[in-house]
Protein backbone atom coordinates (compact mmCIF):
# COMPACT_ATOMS: atom_id res chain seq x y z
CA MET A 1 63.92 63.53 84.94
CA GLU A 2 60.52 61.94 84.66
CA LEU A 3 60.54 62.37 80.96
CA LEU A 4 64.27 61.09 80.60
CA ASP A 5 62.95 57.82 82.64
CA GLU A 6 60.10 57.51 80.26
CA ALA A 7 62.20 57.86 77.11
CA ARG A 8 64.77 55.25 78.61
CA GLU A 9 62.01 52.72 79.35
CA THR A 10 60.58 52.98 76.16
CA ILE A 11 64.01 52.55 74.44
CA VAL A 12 64.92 49.47 76.50
CA THR A 13 61.58 47.84 75.83
CA ALA A 14 61.86 48.50 72.36
CA PHE A 15 65.37 47.02 72.26
CA GLU A 16 64.05 43.86 74.04
CA GLN A 17 61.42 43.53 71.75
CA ALA A 18 63.31 44.06 68.71
CA GLU A 19 63.51 41.16 65.85
CA PRO A 20 66.54 41.35 63.79
CA TRP A 21 65.97 42.29 60.45
CA VAL A 22 67.46 39.96 57.88
CA PRO A 23 67.17 40.71 53.73
CA PRO A 24 65.73 37.74 51.97
CA GLU A 25 68.72 38.12 49.79
CA LEU A 26 70.90 36.50 52.57
CA ALA A 27 69.42 33.15 52.19
CA LEU A 28 70.28 33.07 48.26
CA ALA A 29 73.52 34.51 49.06
CA GLU A 30 74.45 31.50 51.44
CA ASP A 31 73.45 29.02 48.97
CA ARG A 32 75.48 30.66 46.32
CA LEU A 33 78.61 30.67 48.58
CA ARG A 34 78.01 26.93 49.45
CA GLN A 35 77.96 25.99 45.64
CA ASP A 36 80.94 28.24 45.04
CA VAL A 37 82.96 26.21 47.80
CA ASP A 38 81.86 22.93 46.60
CA ARG A 39 82.99 23.74 43.16
CA LEU A 40 86.32 25.20 44.39
CA VAL A 41 86.91 21.94 46.58
CA ALA A 42 86.01 19.89 43.40
CA ALA A 43 88.30 22.11 41.31
CA ASP A 44 91.15 21.70 44.07
CA GLU A 45 90.76 17.92 44.09
CA LEU A 46 91.08 17.86 40.25
CA VAL A 47 94.34 19.82 40.28
CA ASN A 48 95.77 17.97 43.12
CA GLY A 49 94.88 14.60 41.30
CA TYR A 50 96.73 16.10 38.08
CA GLN A 51 99.79 17.23 39.96
CA ALA A 52 100.17 13.51 41.52
CA ARG A 53 99.97 11.97 38.17
CA LEU A 54 102.73 14.42 36.97
C-alpha cells in the first residue's frame, strides 16, 4: 500500500507542476488564421458592395 501511495503522490505532484506544451507553430498558425479572416471579411464587403449596386 505504501508503494501505491508514493506512486499516487508522485503522479499528483508531477501533474501540479506540469507546464502545458504548445508547439511553436501554433503562434504562426494563429497569425495566419487572423490574416485569412481579415481577407475574407474584406472580400465579403466587396461582394456585398457589388451586390448592392446591382
